[in-house]
Amino acid sequence: MIELQLIEKSRIAKHYSVLDFKQGENYYYIKAQLQLQDGSCLMVRWDNSPHHKEISTYPHHKHIRGTTESSREISLN
């Protein structure tokens, strides 16, 4: 999985834990917690599930603070 490979190669991530993972035929969902080199913690959620048809960029979307928004971003970079 490319997202986990990016985390493993990162110079700022000390280690990570996968908290949740779901996979379907054309999508996957992953929630991970990263421990950063400075001791802080970063929560990461990747969700390319084909839902939220009301979003103008469907199926692309992002979840921010409990809301679902349009997004063309498709990378953890």
N, C-alpha and C. Protein backbone atom coordinates (compact mmCIF):
# COMPACT_ATOMS: atom_id res chain seq x y z
N MET A 1 0.84 -1.17 0.00
CA MET A 1 0.00 0.00 0.00
C MET A 1 0.89 1.23 0.00
N ILE A 2 0.70 2.09 -0.98
CA ILE A 2 1.58 3.24 -1.20
C ILE A 2 1.59 4.20 -0.02
N GLU A 3 0.46 4.40 0.65
CA GLU A 3 0.41 5.34 1.78
C GLU A 3 1.32 4.88 2.92
N LEU A 4 1.31 3.60 3.23
CA LEU A 4 2.17 3.09 4.29
C LEU A 4 3.64 3.14 3.88
N GLN A 5 3.91 2.92 2.61
CA GLN A 5 5.29 3.04 2.13
C GLN A 5 5.80 4.47 2.27
N LEU A 6 4.94 5.45 1.99
CA LEU A 6 5.33 6.86 2.17
C LEU A 6 5.64 7.15 3.63
N ILE A 7 4.83 6.62 4.54
CA ILE A 7 5.06 6.83 5.96
C ILE A 7 6.37 6.18 6.39
N GLU A 8 6.62 4.96 5.93
CA GLU A 8 7.84 4.25 6.30
C GLU A 8 9.09 4.96 5.80
N LYS A 9 9.02 5.64 4.66
CA LYS A 9 10.17 6.36 4.10
C LYS A 9 10.32 7.77 4.67
N SER A 10 9.32 8.23 5.39
CA SER A 10 9.31 9.59 5.91
C SER A 10 10.44 9.80 6.93
N ARG A 11 11.06 10.95 6.87
CA ARG A 11 12.11 11.28 7.84
C ARG A 11 11.52 11.81 9.14
N ILE A 12 10.23 12.20 9.12
CA ILE A 12 9.64 12.78 10.33
C ILE A 12 8.83 11.78 11.14
N ALA A 13 8.51 10.62 10.55
CA ALA A 13 7.72 9.61 11.27
C ALA A 13 8.66 8.63 11.97
N LYS A 14 8.49 8.49 13.26
CA LYS A 14 9.28 7.55 14.04
C LYS A 14 8.72 6.14 13.89
N HIS A 15 7.41 5.98 14.07
CA HIS A 15 6.71 4.72 13.82
C HIS A 15 5.22 5.00 13.67
N TYR A 16 4.47 3.98 13.29
CA TYR A 16 3.04 4.16 13.09
C TYR A 16 2.29 2.90 13.51
N SER A 17 0.99 3.10 13.78
CA SER A 17 0.09 1.99 14.10
C SER A 17 -1.14 2.13 13.22
N VAL A 18 -1.57 1.04 12.61
CA VAL A 18 -2.81 1.02 11.84
C VAL A 18 -3.94 0.75 12.83
N LEU A 19 -4.87 1.70 12.95
CA LEU A 19 -5.97 1.59 13.90
C LEU A 19 -7.22 0.96 13.29
N ASP A 20 -7.40 1.13 11.97
CA ASP A 20 -8.56 0.58 11.30
C ASP A 20 -8.22 0.40 9.82
N PHE A 21 -8.73 -0.66 9.22
CA PHE A 21 -8.50 -0.91 7.79
C PHE A 21 -9.70 -1.66 7.23
N LYS A 22 -10.20 -1.17 6.11
CA LYS A 22 -11.28 -1.83 5.37
C LYS A 22 -10.93 -1.77 3.89
N GLN A 23 -11.26 -2.84 3.18
CA GLN A 23 -10.95 -2.88 1.75
C GLN A 23 -12.11 -3.52 1.00
N GLY A 24 -12.44 -2.93 -0.14
CA GLY A 24 -13.46 -3.47 -1.01
C GLY A 24 -12.87 -3.67 -2.39
N GLU A 25 -13.72 -3.94 -3.34
CA GLU A 25 -13.25 -4.19 -4.70
C GLU A 25 -12.55 -2.98 -5.31
N ASN A 26 -13.09 -1.78 -5.09
CA ASN A 26 -12.52 -0.57 -5.71
C ASN A 26 -12.16 0.52 -4.72
N TYR A 27 -11.96 0.17 -3.48
CA TYR A 27 -11.65 1.20 -2.50
C TYR A 27 -10.94 0.60 -1.30
N TYR A 28 -10.37 1.47 -0.49
CA TYR A 28 -9.94 1.07 0.83
C TYR A 28 -9.95 2.26 1.77
N TYR A 29 -9.97 1.95 3.04
CA TYR A 29 -10.04 2.92 4.12
C TYR A 29 -8.97 2.52 5.12
N ILE A 30 -8.16 3.48 5.52
CA ILE A 30 -7.16 3.20 6.54
C ILE A 30 -7.09 4.38 7.50
N LYS A 31 -6.99 4.05 8.76
CA LYS A 31 -6.82 5.06 9.80
C LYS A 31 -5.55 4.67 10.55
N ALA A 32 -4.62 5.60 10.66
CA ALA A 32 -3.34 5.30 11.29
C ALA A 32 -2.94 6.43 12.24
N GLN A 33 -2.13 6.06 13.21
CA GLN A 33 -1.57 7.02 14.15
C GLN A 33 -0.07 7.00 13.97
N LEU A 34 0.50 8.16 13.73
CA LEU A 34 1.95 8.28 13.54
C LEU A 34 2.58 8.95 14.73
N GLN A 35 3.66 8.40 15.21
CA GLN A 35 4.48 9.05 16.23
C GLN A 35 5.60 9.75 15.47
N LEU A 36 5.70 11.06 15.63
CA LEU A 36 6.70 11.83 14.91
C LEU A 36 7.98 11.95 15.71
N GLN A 37 9.07 12.29 15.03
CA GLN A 37 10.39 12.38 15.66
C GLN A 37 10.40 13.36 16.83
N ASP A 38 9.60 14.42 16.76
CA ASP A 38 9.58 15.42 17.83
C ASP A 38 8.69 15.02 19.01
N GLY A 39 8.13 13.80 18.98
CA GLY A 39 7.30 13.30 20.06
C GLY A 39 5.81 13.57 19.88
N SER A 40 5.44 14.34 18.89
CA SER A 40 4.03 14.61 18.66
C SER A 40 3.36 13.45 17.92
N CYS A 41 2.05 13.48 17.89
CA CYS A 41 1.27 12.41 17.28
C CYS A 41 0.42 12.99 16.15
N LEU A 42 0.34 12.29 15.04
CA LEU A 42 -0.44 12.72 13.89
C LEU A 42 -1.40 11.60 13.52
N MET A 43 -2.69 11.94 13.42
CA MET A 43 -3.70 10.98 12.99
C MET A 43 -3.89 11.14 11.49
N VAL A 44 -3.88 10.03 10.76
CA VAL A 44 -4.04 10.03 9.31
C VAL A 44 -5.21 9.14 8.95
N ARG A 45 -6.09 9.63 8.07
CA ARG A 45 -7.20 8.81 7.58
C ARG A 45 -7.25 8.91 6.06
N TRP A 46 -7.14 7.78 5.40
CA TRP A 46 -7.26 7.69 3.95
C TRP A 46 -8.56 6.98 3.65
N ASP A 47 -9.39 7.62 2.85
CA ASP A 47 -10.72 7.07 2.58
C ASP A 47 -11.08 7.38 1.13
N ASN A 48 -10.93 6.41 0.26
CA ASN A 48 -11.34 6.64 -1.14
C ASN A 48 -12.59 5.83 -1.47
N SER A 49 -13.42 5.62 -0.44
CA SER A 49 -14.69 4.92 -0.65
C SER A 49 -15.59 5.71 -1.59
N PRO A 50 -16.28 5.02 -2.51
CA PRO A 50 -17.13 5.72 -3.47
C PRO A 50 -18.50 6.04 -2.87
N HIS A 51 -18.51 7.01 -1.96
CA HIS A 51 -19.76 7.48 -1.38
C HIS A 51 -19.79 9.01 -1.46
N HIS A 52 -20.76 9.63 -0.92
CA HIS A 52 -20.93 11.09 -0.98
C HIS A 52 -21.12 11.57 -2.41
N LYS A 53 -22.12 11.01 -3.08
CA LYS A 53 -22.41 11.38 -4.46
C LYS A 53 -22.81 12.85 -4.61
N GLU A 54 -23.17 13.50 -3.50
CA GLU A 54 -23.56 14.91 -3.56
C GLU A 54 -22.36 15.85 -3.70
N ILE A 55 -21.15 15.35 -3.50
CA ILE A 55 -19.94 16.17 -3.59
C ILE A 55 -19.59 16.40 -5.06
N SER A 56 -19.23 17.63 -5.42
CA SER A 56 -18.96 17.97 -6.82
C SER A 56 -17.76 17.22 -7.39
N THR A 57 -16.85 16.77 -6.55
CA THR A 57 -15.66 16.05 -7.03
C THR A 57 -15.79 14.53 -6.85
N TYR A 58 -17.04 14.05 -6.68
CA TYR A 58 -17.30 12.62 -6.48
C TYR A 58 -16.54 11.79 -7.51
N PRO A 59 -15.89 10.72 -7.10
CA PRO A 59 -15.90 10.13 -5.76
C PRO A 59 -14.85 10.70 -4.83
N HIS A 60 -14.07 11.66 -5.29
CA HIS A 60 -12.99 12.24 -4.47
C HIS A 60 -13.57 13.18 -3.42
N HIS A 61 -13.08 13.05 -2.18
CA HIS A 61 -13.56 13.88 -1.09
C HIS A 61 -12.56 13.82 0.05
N LYS A 62 -12.74 14.71 1.02
CA LYS A 62 -11.93 14.64 2.22
C LYS A 62 -12.80 14.95 3.43
N HIS A 63 -12.41 14.39 4.56
CA HIS A 63 -13.13 14.58 5.81
C HIS A 63 -12.29 15.50 6.69
N ILE A 64 -12.88 16.62 7.08
CA ILE A 64 -12.19 17.58 7.94
C ILE A 64 -13.11 17.98 9.07
N ARG A 65 -12.67 17.72 10.29
CA ARG A 65 -13.41 18.10 11.50
C ARG A 65 -14.89 17.75 11.44
N GLY A 66 -15.18 16.53 11.04
CA GLY A 66 -16.56 16.05 11.03
C GLY A 66 -17.38 16.44 9.82
N THR A 67 -16.77 17.11 8.84
CA THR A 67 -17.48 17.46 7.61
C THR A 67 -16.87 16.74 6.43
N THR A 68 -17.61 16.65 5.34
CA THR A 68 -17.12 16.06 4.10
C THR A 68 -17.06 17.16 3.06
N GLU A 69 -15.90 17.33 2.42
CA GLU A 69 -15.69 18.42 1.48
C GLU A 69 -15.18 17.90 0.15
N SER A 70 -15.38 18.71 -0.89
CA SER A 70 -14.83 18.40 -2.22
C SER A 70 -13.32 18.40 -2.14
N SER A 71 -12.70 17.55 -2.95
CA SER A 71 -11.23 17.50 -2.96
C SER A 71 -10.74 16.78 -4.19
N ARG A 72 -9.69 17.25 -4.76
CA ARG A 72 -8.98 16.56 -5.85
C ARG A 72 -7.67 15.98 -5.35
N GLU A 73 -7.33 16.24 -4.11
CA GLU A 73 -6.10 15.71 -3.52
C GLU A 73 -6.23 14.19 -3.40
N ILE A 74 -5.25 13.48 -3.92
CA ILE A 74 -5.31 12.00 -3.85
C ILE A 74 -3.97 11.43 -3.41
N SER A 75 -3.31 12.12 -2.46
CA SER A 75 -2.00 11.66 -2.03
C SER A 75 -1.73 12.07 -0.59
N LEU A 76 -0.93 11.30 0.09
CA LEU A 76 -0.48 11.70 1.42
C LEU A 76 0.75 12.62 1.35
N ASN A 77 1.33 12.73 0.16
CA ASN A 77 2.51 13.61 0.04
C ASN A 77 2.19 14.99 0.53
